[in-house]
């Protein structure tokens, strides 16, 4: 709902806006392994060459922003 989007924007600010742009551009793909049913997300970055990053449902991403924003600065999202 619009209210939920507003709350998420309040909580995460610019990171939420970037994530929504990536979603709107079709930059997220769910990959499920067989037979384990383990899931990861492939996410295309916003850079010119749209680098691909692996995001695990357990709150980990292979992108530089994850390390810089989440690990170093304690942000909730990269």
N, C-alpha and C. Protein backbone atom coordinates (compact mmCIF):
# COMPACT_ATOMS: atom_id res chain seq x y z
N UNK A 1 0.84 -1.19 0.00
CA UNK A 1 0.00 0.00 0.00
C UNK A 1 0.88 1.25 0.00
N UNK A 2 0.30 2.37 -0.29
CA UNK A 2 1.04 3.64 -0.27
C UNK A 2 1.57 3.95 1.11
N UNK A 3 0.82 3.59 2.13
CA UNK A 3 1.27 3.84 3.50
C UNK A 3 2.52 3.02 3.82
N UNK A 4 2.53 1.77 3.40
CA UNK A 4 3.70 0.92 3.64
C UNK A 4 4.93 1.44 2.89
N UNK A 5 4.73 1.88 1.65
CA UNK A 5 5.84 2.45 0.88
C UNK A 5 6.37 3.71 1.55
N UNK A 6 5.47 4.51 2.08
CA UNK A 6 5.87 5.73 2.77
C UNK A 6 6.69 5.42 4.02
N UNK A 7 6.29 4.41 4.76
CA UNK A 7 7.03 4.00 5.96
C UNK A 7 8.42 3.49 5.58
N UNK A 8 8.48 2.65 4.55
CA UNK A 8 9.78 2.13 4.10
C UNK A 8 10.69 3.26 3.64
N UNK A 9 10.12 4.24 2.94
CA UNK A 9 10.93 5.38 2.50
C UNK A 9 11.44 6.17 3.70
N UNK A 10 10.61 6.34 4.71
CA UNK A 10 11.03 7.05 5.92
C UNK A 10 12.18 6.30 6.61
N UNK A 11 12.08 4.98 6.68
CA UNK A 11 13.09 4.18 7.37
C UNK A 11 14.41 4.09 6.60
N UNK A 12 14.34 3.94 5.28
CA UNK A 12 15.53 3.62 4.50
C UNK A 12 15.98 4.70 3.52
N UNK A 13 15.19 5.73 3.32
CA UNK A 13 15.58 6.88 2.51
C UNK A 13 16.10 6.55 1.13
N UNK A 14 17.31 7.06 0.81
CA UNK A 14 17.89 6.92 -0.53
C UNK A 14 18.10 5.46 -0.92
N UNK A 15 18.39 4.60 0.04
CA UNK A 15 18.58 3.18 -0.28
C UNK A 15 17.27 2.56 -0.75
N UNK A 16 16.17 2.96 -0.15
CA UNK A 16 14.86 2.46 -0.58
C UNK A 16 14.55 2.93 -2.00
N UNK A 17 14.85 4.19 -2.29
CA UNK A 17 14.60 4.73 -3.63
C UNK A 17 15.40 3.97 -4.68
N UNK A 18 16.66 3.70 -4.39
CA UNK A 18 17.51 2.96 -5.34
C UNK A 18 16.99 1.53 -5.53
N UNK A 19 16.58 0.90 -4.44
CA UNK A 19 16.05 -0.46 -4.53
C UNK A 19 14.78 -0.50 -5.37
N UNK A 20 13.92 0.48 -5.20
CA UNK A 20 12.68 0.52 -5.98
C UNK A 20 12.97 0.73 -7.47
N UNK A 21 13.97 1.56 -7.79
CA UNK A 21 14.35 1.76 -9.20
C UNK A 21 14.82 0.44 -9.82
N UNK A 22 15.64 -0.29 -9.07
CA UNK A 22 16.14 -1.57 -9.58
C UNK A 22 14.99 -2.54 -9.79
N UNK A 23 14.06 -2.60 -8.85
CA UNK A 23 12.88 -3.47 -9.00
C UNK A 23 12.05 -3.06 -10.20
N UNK A 24 11.79 -1.76 -10.34
CA UNK A 24 10.97 -1.27 -11.46
C UNK A 24 11.60 -1.58 -12.81
N UNK A 25 12.93 -1.63 -12.87
CA UNK A 25 13.63 -1.91 -14.12
C UNK A 25 13.83 -3.41 -14.36
N UNK A 26 13.25 -4.24 -13.51
CA UNK A 26 13.37 -5.69 -13.68
C UNK A 26 14.74 -6.22 -13.33
N UNK A 27 15.42 -5.56 -12.40
CA UNK A 27 16.79 -5.92 -12.07
C UNK A 27 16.96 -6.98 -11.00
N UNK A 28 15.88 -7.64 -10.58
CA UNK A 28 15.98 -8.67 -9.54
C UNK A 28 15.43 -9.98 -10.08
N UNK A 29 16.24 -11.05 -9.97
CA UNK A 29 15.82 -12.37 -10.42
C UNK A 29 16.00 -13.36 -9.27
N UNK A 30 14.95 -14.13 -8.98
CA UNK A 30 15.02 -15.18 -7.96
C UNK A 30 15.54 -16.45 -8.62
N UNK A 31 16.56 -17.05 -8.01
CA UNK A 31 17.12 -18.31 -8.50
C UNK A 31 16.96 -19.34 -7.40
N UNK A 32 16.30 -20.45 -7.72
CA UNK A 32 16.06 -21.52 -6.75
C UNK A 32 16.77 -22.77 -7.23
N UNK A 33 17.64 -23.33 -6.37
CA UNK A 33 18.38 -24.53 -6.71
C UNK A 33 17.55 -25.78 -6.56
N UNK A 34 17.88 -26.77 -7.36
CA UNK A 34 17.21 -28.05 -7.26
C UNK A 34 18.25 -29.10 -6.91
N UNK A 35 18.03 -30.03 -6.09
CA UNK A 35 16.81 -30.33 -5.35
C UNK A 35 16.73 -29.64 -3.99
N UNK A 36 17.70 -28.79 -3.67
CA UNK A 36 17.77 -28.23 -2.31
C UNK A 36 16.71 -27.17 -2.02
N UNK A 37 16.16 -26.55 -3.05
CA UNK A 37 15.21 -25.44 -2.91
C UNK A 37 15.82 -24.22 -2.22
N UNK A 38 17.14 -24.13 -2.19
CA UNK A 38 17.78 -22.92 -1.66
C UNK A 38 17.60 -21.80 -2.66
N UNK A 39 17.42 -20.59 -2.14
CA UNK A 39 17.15 -19.45 -3.02
C UNK A 39 18.18 -18.36 -2.84
N UNK A 40 18.52 -17.70 -3.94
CA UNK A 40 19.34 -16.49 -3.94
C UNK A 40 18.69 -15.52 -4.92
N UNK A 41 19.02 -14.27 -4.78
CA UNK A 41 18.55 -13.25 -5.70
C UNK A 41 19.74 -12.71 -6.48
N UNK A 42 19.62 -12.63 -7.79
CA UNK A 42 20.60 -11.95 -8.63
C UNK A 42 20.07 -10.54 -8.84
N UNK A 43 20.88 -9.55 -8.47
CA UNK A 43 20.44 -8.16 -8.55
C UNK A 43 21.39 -7.39 -9.45
N UNK A 44 20.83 -6.71 -10.43
CA UNK A 44 21.62 -5.87 -11.33
C UNK A 44 21.82 -4.52 -10.68
N UNK A 45 23.06 -4.10 -10.58
CA UNK A 45 23.36 -2.80 -9.98
C UNK A 45 22.92 -1.65 -10.86
N UNK A 46 23.03 -0.44 -10.33
CA UNK A 46 22.61 0.75 -11.07
C UNK A 46 23.72 1.34 -11.93
N UNK A 47 24.91 0.79 -11.86
CA UNK A 47 26.01 1.35 -12.65
C UNK A 47 25.76 1.16 -14.14
N UNK A 48 26.55 1.82 -14.95
CA UNK A 48 26.38 1.79 -16.40
C UNK A 48 26.42 0.37 -16.95
N UNK A 49 27.30 -0.47 -16.41
CA UNK A 49 27.41 -1.84 -16.92
C UNK A 49 26.52 -2.83 -16.17
N UNK A 50 25.73 -2.36 -15.23
CA UNK A 50 24.75 -3.17 -14.48
C UNK A 50 25.36 -4.48 -13.97
N UNK A 51 26.42 -4.36 -13.18
CA UNK A 51 27.05 -5.53 -12.56
C UNK A 51 26.00 -6.36 -11.83
N UNK A 52 26.19 -7.68 -11.85
CA UNK A 52 25.27 -8.59 -11.17
C UNK A 52 25.81 -8.94 -9.79
N UNK A 53 24.95 -8.92 -8.79
CA UNK A 53 25.33 -9.25 -7.42
C UNK A 53 24.43 -10.35 -6.89
N UNK A 54 25.00 -11.20 -6.04
CA UNK A 54 24.23 -12.27 -5.41
C UNK A 54 23.78 -11.79 -4.04
N UNK A 55 22.47 -11.84 -3.79
CA UNK A 55 21.93 -11.46 -2.49
C UNK A 55 21.26 -12.68 -1.87
N UNK A 56 21.68 -13.02 -0.67
CA UNK A 56 21.14 -14.16 0.04
C UNK A 56 19.97 -13.71 0.91
N UNK A 57 18.93 -14.52 1.02
CA UNK A 57 17.79 -14.14 1.86
C UNK A 57 18.17 -13.89 3.32
N UNK A 58 19.30 -14.39 3.75
CA UNK A 58 19.73 -14.22 5.14
C UNK A 58 20.39 -12.87 5.39
N UNK A 59 20.16 -11.88 4.53
CA UNK A 59 20.69 -10.53 4.73
C UNK A 59 22.18 -10.45 4.45
N UNK A 60 22.58 -10.84 3.25
CA UNK A 60 23.97 -10.68 2.81
C UNK A 60 23.96 -10.43 1.31
N UNK A 61 24.85 -9.56 0.86
CA UNK A 61 24.96 -9.25 -0.56
C UNK A 61 26.44 -9.19 -0.93
N UNK A 62 26.77 -9.52 -2.17
CA UNK A 62 28.16 -9.50 -2.60
C UNK A 62 28.61 -8.14 -3.13
N UNK A 63 27.75 -7.15 -3.15
CA UNK A 63 28.14 -5.84 -3.68
C UNK A 63 28.97 -5.04 -2.68
N UNK A 64 29.76 -4.11 -3.20
CA UNK A 64 30.60 -3.26 -2.36
C UNK A 64 29.76 -2.45 -1.38
N UNK A 65 28.60 -1.99 -1.83
CA UNK A 65 27.75 -1.17 -0.98
C UNK A 65 27.32 -1.92 0.28
N UNK A 66 27.12 -3.23 0.19
CA UNK A 66 26.74 -3.99 1.39
C UNK A 66 27.82 -3.87 2.45
N UNK A 67 29.06 -4.08 2.04
CA UNK A 67 30.15 -3.99 3.01
C UNK A 67 30.27 -2.57 3.55
N UNK A 68 30.24 -1.58 2.68
CA UNK A 68 30.46 -0.20 3.10
C UNK A 68 29.31 0.33 3.96
N UNK A 69 28.06 0.15 3.49
CA UNK A 69 26.91 0.72 4.19
C UNK A 69 26.45 -0.13 5.37
N UNK A 70 26.34 -1.43 5.16
CA UNK A 70 25.74 -2.30 6.17
C UNK A 70 26.75 -2.75 7.22
N UNK A 71 27.89 -3.23 6.77
CA UNK A 71 28.89 -3.74 7.71
C UNK A 71 29.60 -2.60 8.44
N UNK A 72 30.11 -1.64 7.68
CA UNK A 72 30.88 -0.56 8.30
C UNK A 72 30.03 0.49 9.01
N UNK A 73 28.94 0.90 8.39
CA UNK A 73 28.16 2.01 8.92
C UNK A 73 26.93 1.58 9.71
N UNK A 74 26.59 0.30 9.66
CA UNK A 74 25.44 -0.19 10.41
C UNK A 74 24.09 0.13 9.79
N UNK A 75 24.07 0.47 8.50
CA UNK A 75 22.80 0.74 7.82
C UNK A 75 22.01 -0.57 7.70
N UNK A 76 20.70 -0.45 7.51
CA UNK A 76 19.85 -1.63 7.40
C UNK A 76 19.88 -2.25 6.01
N UNK A 77 20.09 -1.43 5.00
CA UNK A 77 20.12 -1.91 3.62
C UNK A 77 21.31 -1.33 2.90
N UNK A 78 21.78 -2.04 1.88
CA UNK A 78 22.86 -1.48 1.07
C UNK A 78 22.29 -0.86 -0.19
